[in-house]
Amino acid sequence: MVIKVDFDLTMTILAHNLFRLIAQDLIGYKNCTPATLYEKFLLNGGRVKIVENEIRVNLKKKRHLPSILSAMKKFHNISIPWLHNKKLQFVGESYS
């Protein structure tokens, strides 16, 4: 019983801190609740396409997509060593 409570508490604190990290990179959303951040930014579909030298993440069109793409610019064209140094790209789709 004690182990389960400790694990639940640890995962809750970890999730809260991850949402705070996400909010720091999004201009104007620093004080949003985790539920708001999830609905506006994380609850989004898309497609992942892996080709010869790149991994392209195509995110569906959404009202907050420009904020997501601007926050993800720091990861644009980053090489991923464990995937044979493929470049990572985040792109917005033209459909919703």
PDB file of N, CA and C in Angstrom:
ATOM      1  N   MET A   1       0.817  -1.190   0.000  1.00  0.00           N
ATOM      2  CA  MET A   1       0.000   0.000   0.000  1.00  0.00           C
ATOM      3  C   MET A   1       0.864   1.258   0.000  1.00  0.00           C
ATOM      4  N   VAL A   2       1.909   1.269   0.801  1.00  0.00           N
ATOM      5  CA  VAL A   2       2.780   2.439   0.882  1.00  0.00           C
ATOM      6  C   VAL A   2       3.479   2.668  -0.461  1.00  0.00           C
ATOM      7  N   ILE A   3       3.891   1.589  -1.130  1.00  0.00           N
ATOM      8  CA  ILE A   3       4.580   1.710  -2.414  1.00  0.00           C
ATOM      9  C   ILE A   3       3.657   2.338  -3.452  1.00  0.00           C
ATOM     10  N   LYS A   4       2.381   1.940  -3.473  1.00  0.00           N
ATOM     11  CA  LYS A   4       1.434   2.480  -4.447  1.00  0.00           C
ATOM     12  C   LYS A   4       1.207   3.964  -4.212  1.00  0.00           C
ATOM     13  N   VAL A   5       1.068   4.387  -2.993  1.00  0.00           N
ATOM     14  CA  VAL A   5       0.873   5.800  -2.671  1.00  0.00           C
ATOM     15  C   VAL A   5       2.100   6.602  -3.069  1.00  0.00           C
ATOM     16  N   ASP A   6       3.277   6.103  -2.760  1.00  0.00           N
ATOM     17  CA  ASP A   6       4.504   6.795  -3.141  1.00  0.00           C
ATOM     18  C   ASP A   6       4.625   6.923  -4.654  1.00  0.00           C
ATOM     19  N   PHE A   7       4.293   5.873  -5.406  1.00  0.00           N
ATOM     20  CA  PHE A   7       4.375   5.908  -6.850  1.00  0.00           C
ATOM     21  C   PHE A   7       3.374   6.905  -7.429  1.00  0.00           C
ATOM     22  N   ASP A   8       2.132   6.887  -6.934  1.00  0.00           N
ATOM     23  CA  ASP A   8       1.114   7.826  -7.404  1.00  0.00           C
ATOM     24  C   ASP A   8       1.525   9.269  -7.138  1.00  0.00           C
ATOM     25  N   LEU A   9       2.041   9.528  -5.975  1.00  0.00           N
ATOM     26  CA  LEU A   9       2.483  10.879  -5.630  1.00  0.00           C
ATOM     27  C   LEU A   9       3.652  11.310  -6.514  1.00  0.00           C
ATOM     28  N   THR A  10       4.590  10.419  -6.737  1.00  0.00           N
ATOM     29  CA  THR A  10       5.740  10.723  -7.589  1.00  0.00           C
ATOM     30  C   THR A  10       5.304  11.030  -9.019  1.00  0.00           C
ATOM     31  N   MET A  11       4.403  10.232  -9.566  1.00  0.00           N
ATOM     32  CA  MET A  11       3.928  10.465 -10.932  1.00  0.00           C
ATOM     33  C   MET A  11       3.123  11.760 -11.038  1.00  0.00           C
ATOM     34  N   THR A  12       2.347  12.095 -10.024  1.00  0.00           N
ATOM     35  CA  THR A  12       1.580  13.346 -10.019  1.00  0.00           C
ATOM     36  C   THR A  12       2.512  14.547 -10.005  1.00  0.00           C
ATOM     37  N   ILE A  13       3.525  14.505  -9.179  1.00  0.00           N
ATOM     38  CA  ILE A  13       4.484  15.611  -9.112  1.00  0.00           C
ATOM     39  C   ILE A  13       5.268  15.716 -10.413  1.00  0.00           C
ATOM     40  N   LEU A  14       5.659  14.592 -10.991  1.00  0.00           N
ATOM     41  CA  LEU A  14       6.367  14.591 -12.263  1.00  0.00           C
ATOM     42  C   LEU A  14       5.503  15.203 -13.369  1.00  0.00           C
ATOM     43  N   ALA A  15       4.244  14.801 -13.441  1.00  0.00           N
ATOM     44  CA  ALA A  15       3.339  15.343 -14.464  1.00  0.00           C
ATOM     45  C   ALA A  15       3.149  16.848 -14.279  1.00  0.00           C
ATOM     46  N   HIS A  16       2.972  17.283 -13.053  1.00  0.00           N
ATOM     47  CA  HIS A  16       2.806  18.713 -12.783  1.00  0.00           C
ATOM     48  C   HIS A  16       4.039  19.495 -13.237  1.00  0.00           C
ATOM     49  N   ASN A  17       5.216  19.002 -12.924  1.00  0.00           N
ATOM     50  CA  ASN A  17       6.449  19.691 -13.308  1.00  0.00           C
ATOM     51  C   ASN A  17       6.657  19.696 -14.817  1.00  0.00           C
ATOM     52  N   LEU A  18       6.271  18.623 -15.503  1.00  0.00           N
ATOM     53  CA  LEU A  18       6.379  18.601 -16.961  1.00  0.00           C
ATOM     54  C   LEU A  18       5.443  19.618 -17.604  1.00  0.00           C
ATOM     55  N   PHE A  19       4.233  19.759 -17.068  1.00  0.00           N
ATOM     56  CA  PHE A  19       3.316  20.778 -17.585  1.00  0.00           C
ATOM     57  C   PHE A  19       3.860  22.180 -17.337  1.00  0.00           C
ATOM     58  N   ARG A  20       4.513  22.401 -16.218  1.00  0.00           N
ATOM     59  CA  ARG A  20       5.126  23.719 -15.945  1.00  0.00           C
ATOM     60  C   ARG A  20       6.242  24.008 -16.942  1.00  0.00           C
ATOM     61  N   LEU A  21       7.032  22.989 -17.287  1.00  0.00           N
ATOM     62  CA  LEU A  21       8.091  23.172 -18.282  1.00  0.00           C
ATOM     63  C   LEU A  21       7.515  23.509 -19.655  1.00  0.00           C
ATOM     64  N   ILE A  22       6.425  22.847 -20.017  1.00  0.00           N
ATOM     65  CA  ILE A  22       5.767  23.148 -21.288  1.00  0.00           C
ATOM     66  C   ILE A  22       5.259  24.578 -21.281  1.00  0.00           C
ATOM     67  N   ALA A  23       4.646  25.003 -20.189  1.00  0.00           N
ATOM     68  CA  ALA A  23       4.073  26.344 -20.099  1.00  0.00           C
ATOM     69  C   ALA A  23       5.138  27.427 -20.182  1.00  0.00           C
ATOM     70  N   GLN A  24       6.335  27.166 -19.701  1.00  0.00           N
ATOM     71  CA  GLN A  24       7.402  28.171 -19.754  1.00  0.00           C
ATOM     72  C   GLN A  24       7.793  28.521 -21.176  1.00  0.00           C
ATOM     73  N   ASP A  25       7.713  27.570 -22.093  1.00  0.00           N
ATOM     74  CA  ASP A  25       8.099  27.814 -23.476  1.00  0.00           C
ATOM     75  C   ASP A  25       6.985  28.436 -24.316  1.00  0.00           C
ATOM     76  N   LEU A  26       5.766  28.458 -23.807  1.00  0.00           N
ATOM     77  CA  LEU A  26       4.639  28.992 -24.559  1.00  0.00           C
ATOM     78  C   LEU A  26       4.330  30.409 -24.091  1.00  0.00           C
ATOM     79  N   ILE A  27       4.541  31.366 -24.980  1.00  0.00           N
ATOM     80  CA  ILE A  27       4.341  32.777 -24.635  1.00  0.00           C
ATOM     81  C   ILE A  27       2.869  33.040 -24.333  1.00  0.00           C
ATOM     82  N   GLY A  28       2.618  33.622 -23.163  1.00  0.00           N
ATOM     83  CA  GLY A  28       1.264  33.962 -22.755  1.00  0.00           C
ATOM     84  C   GLY A  28       0.501  32.865 -22.050  1.00  0.00           C
ATOM     85  N   TYR A  29       1.109  31.717 -21.852  1.00  0.00           N
ATOM     86  CA  TYR A  29       0.411  30.589 -21.228  1.00  0.00           C
ATOM     87  C   TYR A  29       1.110  30.106 -19.962  1.00  0.00           C
ATOM     88  N   LYS A  30       1.952  30.932 -19.396  1.00  0.00           N
ATOM     89  CA  LYS A  30       2.760  30.533 -18.238  1.00  0.00           C
ATOM     90  C   LYS A  30       1.913  30.180 -17.015  1.00  0.00           C
ATOM     91  N   ASN A  31       0.757  30.815 -16.859  1.00  0.00           N
ATOM     92  CA  ASN A  31      -0.070  30.605 -15.669  1.00  0.00           C
ATOM     93  C   ASN A  31      -1.272  29.693 -15.907  1.00  0.00           C
ATOM     94  N   CYS A  32      -1.310  29.012 -17.041  1.00  0.00           N
ATOM     95  CA  CYS A  32      -2.434  28.121 -17.344  1.00  0.00           C
ATOM     96  C   CYS A  32      -2.380  26.859 -16.490  1.00  0.00           C
ATOM     97  N   THR A  33      -3.535  26.287 -16.272  1.00  0.00           N
ATOM     98  CA  THR A  33      -3.617  25.030 -15.532  1.00  0.00           C
ATOM     99  C   THR A  33      -3.171  23.875 -16.432  1.00  0.00           C
ATOM    100  N   PRO A  34      -2.769  22.766 -15.848  1.00  0.00           N
ATOM    101  CA  PRO A  34      -2.393  21.606 -16.672  1.00  0.00           C
ATOM    102  C   PRO A  34      -3.523  21.144 -17.590  1.00  0.00           C
ATOM    103  N   ALA A  35      -4.769  21.219 -17.138  1.00  0.00           N
ATOM    104  CA  ALA A  35      -5.894  20.804 -17.985  1.00  0.00           C
ATOM    105  C   ALA A  35      -6.011  21.698 -19.213  1.00  0.00           C
ATOM    106  N   THR A  36      -5.830  23.000 -19.041  1.00  0.00           N
ATOM    107  CA  THR A  36      -5.891  23.935 -20.164  1.00  0.00           C
ATOM    108  C   THR A  36      -4.757  23.683 -21.137  1.00  0.00           C
ATOM    109  N   LEU A  37      -3.555  23.478 -20.633  1.00  0.00           N
ATOM    110  CA  LEU A  37      -2.412  23.190 -21.495  1.00  0.00           C
ATOM    111  C   LEU A  37      -2.636  21.905 -22.286  1.00  0.00           C
ATOM    112  N   TYR A  38      -3.190  20.901 -21.636  1.00  0.00           N
ATOM    113  CA  TYR A  38      -3.450  19.633 -22.312  1.00  0.00           C
ATOM    114  C   TYR A  38      -4.448  19.822 -23.448  1.00  0.00           C
ATOM    115  N   GLU A  39      -5.558  20.516 -23.177  1.00  0.00           N
ATOM    116  CA  GLU A  39      -6.602  20.711 -24.188  1.00  0.00           C
ATOM    117  C   GLU A  39      -6.114  21.552 -25.358  1.00  0.00           C
ATOM    118  N   LYS A  40      -5.365  22.604 -25.084  1.00  0.00           N
ATOM    119  CA  LYS A  40      -4.967  23.530 -26.137  1.00  0.00           C
ATOM    120  C   LYS A  40      -3.756  23.060 -26.936  1.00  0.00           C
ATOM    121  N   PHE A  41      -2.851  22.323 -26.314  1.00  0.00           N
ATOM    122  CA  PHE A  41      -1.598  22.012 -26.985  1.00  0.00           C
ATOM    123  C   PHE A  41      -1.316  20.526 -27.168  1.00  0.00           C
ATOM    124  N   LEU A  42      -1.573  19.713 -26.185  1.00  0.00           N
ATOM    125  CA  LEU A  42      -1.195  18.304 -26.283  1.00  0.00           C
ATOM    126  C   LEU A  42      -2.268  17.426 -26.927  1.00  0.00           C
ATOM    127  N   LEU A  43      -3.518  17.829 -26.810  1.00  0.00           N
ATOM    128  CA  LEU A  43      -4.621  17.060 -27.388  1.00  0.00           C
ATOM    129  C   LEU A  43      -4.755  17.450 -28.860  1.00  0.00           C
ATOM    130  N   ASN A  44      -3.822  16.968 -29.663  1.00  0.00           N
ATOM    131  CA  ASN A  44      -3.795  17.316 -31.077  1.00  0.00           C
ATOM    132  C   ASN A  44      -3.288  16.104 -31.848  1.00  0.00           C
ATOM    133  N   GLY A  45      -3.873  15.884 -32.981  1.00  0.00           N
ATOM    134  CA  GLY A  45      -3.450  14.766 -33.803  1.00  0.00           C
ATOM    135  C   GLY A  45      -2.440  15.200 -34.846  1.00  0.00           C
ATOM    136  N   GLY A  46      -1.942  14.239 -35.554  1.00  0.00           N
ATOM    137  CA  GLY A  46      -0.996  14.528 -36.609  1.00  0.00           C
ATOM    138  C   GLY A  46      -0.436  13.248 -37.189  1.00  0.00           C
ATOM    139  N   ARG A  47       0.578  13.428 -38.020  1.00  0.00           N
ATOM    140  CA  ARG A  47       1.224  12.277 -38.653  1.00  0.00           C
ATOM    141  C   ARG A  47       2.730  12.386 -38.465  1.00  0.00           C
ATOM    142  N   VAL A  48       3.360  11.243 -38.279  1.00  0.00           N
ATOM    143  CA  VAL A  48       4.820  11.182 -38.200  1.00  0.00           C
ATOM    144  C   VAL A  48       5.295  10.418 -39.428  1.00  0.00           C
ATOM    145  N   LYS A  49       6.153  11.054 -40.189  1.00  0.00           N
ATOM    146  CA  LYS A  49       6.674  10.446 -41.412  1.00  0.00           C
ATOM    147  C   LYS A  49       8.190  10.332 -41.281  1.00  0.00           C
ATOM    148  N   ILE A  50       8.702   9.102 -41.415  1.00  0.00           N
ATOM    149  CA  ILE A  50      10.140   8.863 -41.331  1.00  0.00           C
ATOM    150  C   ILE A  50      10.634   8.507 -42.726  1.00  0.00           C
ATOM    151  N   VAL A  51      11.524   9.340 -43.245  1.00  0.00           N
ATOM    152  CA  VAL A  51      12.110   9.097 -44.565  1.00  0.00           C
ATOM    153  C   VAL A  51      13.623   8.921 -44.400  1.00  0.00           C
ATOM    154  N   GLU A  52      14.350   8.955 -45.483  1.00  0.00           N
ATOM    155  CA  GLU A  52      15.786   8.649 -45.450  1.00  0.00           C
ATOM    156  C   GLU A  52      16.563   9.418 -44.391  1.00  0.00           C
ATOM    157  N   ASN A  53      16.462  10.749 -44.401  1.00  0.00           N
ATOM    158  CA  ASN A  53      17.312  11.539 -43.506  1.00  0.00           C
ATOM    159  C   ASN A  53      16.549  12.464 -42.576  1.00  0.00           C
ATOM    160  N   GLU A  54      15.235  12.295 -42.454  1.00  0.00           N
ATOM    161  CA  GLU A  54      14.479  13.177 -41.568  1.00  0.00           C
ATOM    162  C   GLU A  54      13.260  12.484 -40.972  1.00  0.00           C
ATOM    163  N   ILE A  55      12.837  13.036 -39.844  1.00  0.00           N
ATOM    164  CA  ILE A  55      11.590  12.628 -39.194  1.00  0.00           C
ATOM    165  C   ILE A  55      10.715  13.860 -39.194  1.00  0.00           C
ATOM    166  N   ARG A  56       9.613  13.806 -39.911  1.00  0.00           N
ATOM    167  CA  ARG A  56       8.731  14.957 -40.045  1.00  0.00           C
ATOM    168  C   ARG A  56       7.460  14.707 -39.237  1.00  0.00           C
ATOM    169  N   VAL A  57       7.188  15.615 -38.310  1.00  0.00           N
ATOM    170  CA  VAL A  57       5.984  15.543 -37.490  1.00  0.00           C
ATOM    171  C   VAL A  57       5.018  16.583 -38.031  1.00  0.00           C
ATOM    172  N   ASN A  58       3.954  16.137 -38.684  1.00  0.00           N
ATOM    173  CA  ASN A  58       2.941  17.021 -39.244  1.00  0.00           C
ATOM    174  C   ASN A  58       1.793  17.133 -38.249  1.00  0.00           C
ATOM    175  N   LEU A  59       1.643  18.307 -37.642  1.00  0.00           N
ATOM    176  CA  LEU A  59       0.589  18.534 -36.657  1.00  0.00           C
ATOM    177  C   LEU A  59      -0.646  19.106 -37.337  1.00  0.00           C
ATOM    178  N   LYS A  60      -1.820  18.639 -36.905  1.00  0.00           N
ATOM    179  CA  LYS A  60      -3.065  19.136 -37.476  1.00  0.00           C
ATOM    180  C   LYS A  60      -3.249  20.619 -37.183  1.00  0.00           C
ATOM    181  N   LYS A  61      -3.952  21.262 -38.100  1.00  0.00           N
ATOM    182  CA  LYS A  61      -4.237  22.683 -37.954  1.00  0.00           C
ATOM    183  C   LYS A  61      -5.127  22.889 -36.730  1.00  0.00           C
ATOM    184  N   LYS A  62      -4.726  23.821 -35.894  1.00  0.00           N
ATOM    185  CA  LYS A  62      -5.446  24.114 -34.660  1.00  0.00           C
ATOM    186  C   LYS A  62      -5.206  25.573 -34.317  1.00  0.00           C
ATOM    187  N   ARG A  63      -6.057  26.157 -33.550  1.00  0.00           N
ATOM    188  CA  ARG A  63      -5.960  27.578 -33.228  1.00  0.00           C
ATOM    189  C   ARG A  63      -4.609  27.934 -32.604  1.00  0.00           C
ATOM    190  N   HIS A  64      -4.080  27.080 -31.780  1.00  0.00           N
ATOM    191  CA  HIS A  64      -2.844  27.356 -31.057  1.00  0.00           C
ATOM    192  C   HIS A  64      -1.605  26.758 -31.735  1.00  0.00           C
ATOM    193  N   LEU A  65      -1.755  26.300 -32.971  1.00  0.00           N
ATOM    194  CA  LEU A  65      -0.632  25.692 -33.691  1.00  0.00           C
ATOM    195  C   LEU A  65       0.561  26.633 -33.859  1.00  0.00           C
ATOM    196  N   PRO A  66       0.372  27.914 -34.167  1.00  0.00           N
ATOM    197  CA  PRO A  66       1.548  28.796 -34.274  1.00  0.00           C
ATOM    198  C   PRO A  66       2.362  28.870 -32.983  1.00  0.00           C
ATOM    199  N   SER A  67       1.707  28.844 -31.842  1.00  0.00           N
ATOM    200  CA  SER A  67       2.426  28.856 -30.562  1.00  0.00           C
ATOM    201  C   SER A  67       3.222  27.572 -30.370  1.00  0.00           C
ATOM    202  N   ILE A  68       2.627  26.468 -30.762  1.00  0.00           N
ATOM    203  CA  ILE A  68       3.322  25.181 -30.645  1.00  0.00           C
ATOM    204  C   ILE A  68       4.554  25.165 -31.544  1.00  0.00           C
ATOM    205  N   LEU A  69       4.373  25.597 -32.793  1.00  0.00           N
ATOM    206  CA  LEU A  69       5.487  25.566 -33.742  1.00  0.00           C
ATOM    207  C   LEU A  69       6.612  26.512 -33.329  1.00  0.00           C
ATOM    208  N   SER A  70       6.263  27.668 -32.775  1.00  0.00           N
ATOM    209  CA  SER A  70       7.324  28.588 -32.337  1.00  0.00           C
ATOM    210  C   SER A  70       8.085  28.023 -31.134  1.00  0.00           C
ATOM    211  N   ALA A  71       7.382  27.314 -30.250  1.00  0.00           N
ATOM    212  CA  ALA A  71       8.055  26.693 -29.109  1.00  0.00           C
ATOM    213  C   ALA A  71       8.925  25.521 -29.547  1.00  0.00           C
ATOM    214  N   MET A  72       8.561  24.861 -30.632  1.00  0.00           N
ATOM    215  CA  MET A  72       9.301  23.695 -31.099  1.00  0.00           C
ATOM    216  C   MET A  72      10.468  24.061 -32.017  1.00  0.00           C
ATOM    217  N   LYS A  73      10.652  25.350 -32.327  1.00  0.00           N
ATOM    218  CA  LYS A  73      11.757  25.764 -33.210  1.00  0.00           C
ATOM    219  C   LYS A  73      13.117  25.362 -32.660  1.00  0.00           C
ATOM    220  N   LYS A  74      13.239  25.306 -31.351  1.00  0.00           N
ATOM    221  CA  LYS A  74      14.537  24.933 -30.779  1.00  0.00           C
ATOM    222  C   LYS A  74      14.894  23.472 -31.057  1.00  0.00           C
ATOM    223  N   PHE A  75      13.910  22.661 -31.442  1.00  0.00           N
ATOM    224  CA  PHE A  75      14.164  21.257 -31.775  1.00  0.00           C
ATOM    225  C   PHE A  75      14.230  21.028 -33.280  1.00  0.00           C
ATOM    226  N   HIS A  76      14.010  22.082 -34.079  1.00  0.00           N
ATOM    227  CA  HIS A  76      13.998  21.958 -35.536  1.00  0.00           C
ATOM    228  C   HIS A  76      15.392  21.582 -36.042  1.00  0.00           C
ATOM    229  N   ASN A  77      15.450  20.569 -36.868  1.00  0.00           N
ATOM    230  CA  ASN A  77      16.685  20.065 -37.485  1.00  0.00           C
ATOM    231  C   ASN A  77      17.697  19.519 -36.481  1.00  0.00           C
ATOM    232  N   ILE A  78      17.248  19.120 -35.328  1.00  0.00           N
ATOM    233  CA  ILE A  78      18.147  18.489 -34.360  1.00  0.00           C
ATOM    234  C   ILE A  78      18.380  17.041 -34.815  1.00  0.00           C
ATOM    235  N   SER A  79      19.598  16.581 -34.719  1.00  0.00           N
ATOM    236  CA  SER A  79      19.929  15.203 -35.102  1.00  0.00           C
ATOM    237  C   SER A  79      19.669  14.262 -33.937  1.00  0.00           C
ATOM    238  N   ILE A  80      19.072  13.130 -34.240  1.00  0.00           N
ATOM    239  CA  ILE A  80      18.783  12.130 -33.213  1.00  0.00           C
ATOM    240  C   ILE A  80      19.750  10.961 -33.423  1.00  0.00           C
ATOM    241  N   PRO A  81      20.757  10.848 -32.542  1.00  0.00           N
ATOM    242  CA  PRO A  81      21.820   9.850 -32.758  1.00  0.00           C
ATOM    243  C   PRO A  81      21.326   8.403 -32.808  1.00  0.00           C
ATOM    244  N   TRP A  82      20.365   8.034 -31.975  1.00  0.00           N
ATOM    245  CA  TRP A  82      19.926   6.648 -31.940  1.00  0.00           C
ATOM    246  C   TRP A  82      18.984   6.293 -33.096  1.00  0.00           C
ATOM    247  N   LEU A  83      18.681   7.281 -33.962  1.00  0.00           N
ATOM    248  CA  LEU A  83      17.934   7.020 -35.193  1.00  0.00           C
ATOM    249  C   LEU A  83      18.796   7.362 -36.412  1.00  0.00           C
ATOM    250  N   HIS A  84      20.049   7.017 -36.338  1.00  0.00           N
ATOM    251  CA  HIS A  84      21.005   7.218 -37.436  1.00  0.00           C
ATOM    252  C   HIS A  84      21.117   8.691 -37.825  1.00  0.00           C
ATOM    253  N   ASN A  85      21.104   9.580 -36.835  1.00  0.00           N
ATOM    254  CA  ASN A  85      21.270  11.035 -37.016  1.00  0.00           C
ATOM    255  C   ASN A  85      20.250  11.663 -37.958  1.00  0.00           C
ATOM    256  N   LYS A  86      19.030  11.157 -37.924  1.00  0.00           N
ATOM    257  CA  LYS A  86      17.967  11.777 -38.722  1.00  0.00           C
ATOM    258  C   LYS A  86      17.590  13.111 -38.098  1.00  0.00           C
ATOM    259  N   LYS A  87      17.207  14.070 -38.937  1.00  0.00           N
ATOM    260  CA  LYS A  87      16.818  15.406 -38.479  1.00  0.00           C
ATOM    261  C   LYS A  87      15.342  15.405 -38.107  1.00  0.00           C
ATOM    262  N   LEU A  88      14.998  16.145 -37.067  1.00  0.00           N
ATOM    263  CA  LEU A  88      13.628  16.240 -36.586  1.00  0.00           C
ATOM    264  C   LEU A  88      13.014  17.552 -37.074  1.00  0.00           C
ATOM    265  N   GLN A  89      11.810  17.481 -37.672  1.00  0.00           N
ATOM    266  CA  GLN A  89      11.124  18.665 -38.159  1.00  0.00           C
ATOM    267  C   GLN A  89       9.667  18.644 -37.725  1.00  0.00           C
ATOM    268  N   PHE A  90       9.179  19.795 -37.242  1.00  0.00           N
ATOM    269  CA  PHE A  90       7.774  19.963 -36.881  1.00  0.00           C
ATOM    270  C   PHE A  90       7.139  20.906 -37.890  1.00  0.00           C
ATOM    271  N   VAL A  91       6.031  20.452 -38.502  1.00  0.00           N
ATOM    272  CA  VAL A  91       5.376  21.228 -39.539  1.00  0.00           C
ATOM    273  C   VAL A  91       3.881  21.236 -39.274  1.00  0.00           C
ATOM    274  N   GLY A  92       3.224  22.349 -39.592  1.00  0.00           N
ATOM    275  CA  GLY A  92       1.775  22.437 -39.465  1.00  0.00           C
ATOM    276  C   GLY A  92       1.093  21.992 -40.730  1.00  0.00           C
ATOM    277  N   GLU A  93       0.037  21.214 -40.605  1.00  0.00           N
ATOM    278  CA  GLU A  93      -0.748  20.761 -41.748  1.00  0.00           C
ATOM    279  C   GLU A  93      -1.718  21.865 -42.160  1.00  0.00           C
ATOM    280  N   SER A  94      -2.280  21.734 -43.337  1.00  0.00           N
ATOM    281  CA  SER A  94      -3.244  22.729 -43.829  1.00  0.00           C
ATOM    282  C   SER A  94      -4.693  22.287 -43.588  1.00  0.00           C
ATOM    283  N   TYR A  95      -4.870  21.138 -42.960  1.00  0.00           N
ATOM    284  CA  TYR A  95      -6.218  20.660 -42.648  1.00  0.00           C
ATOM    285  C   TYR A  95      -6.369  20.521 -41.144  1.00  0.00           C
ATOM    286  N   SER A  96      -7.622  20.434 -40.698  1.00  0.00           N
ATOM    287  CA  SER A  96      -7.861  20.288 -39.251  1.00  0.00           C
ATOM    288  C   SER A  96      -8.441  18.941 -38.921  1.00  0.00           C
TER     289      SER A  96
END
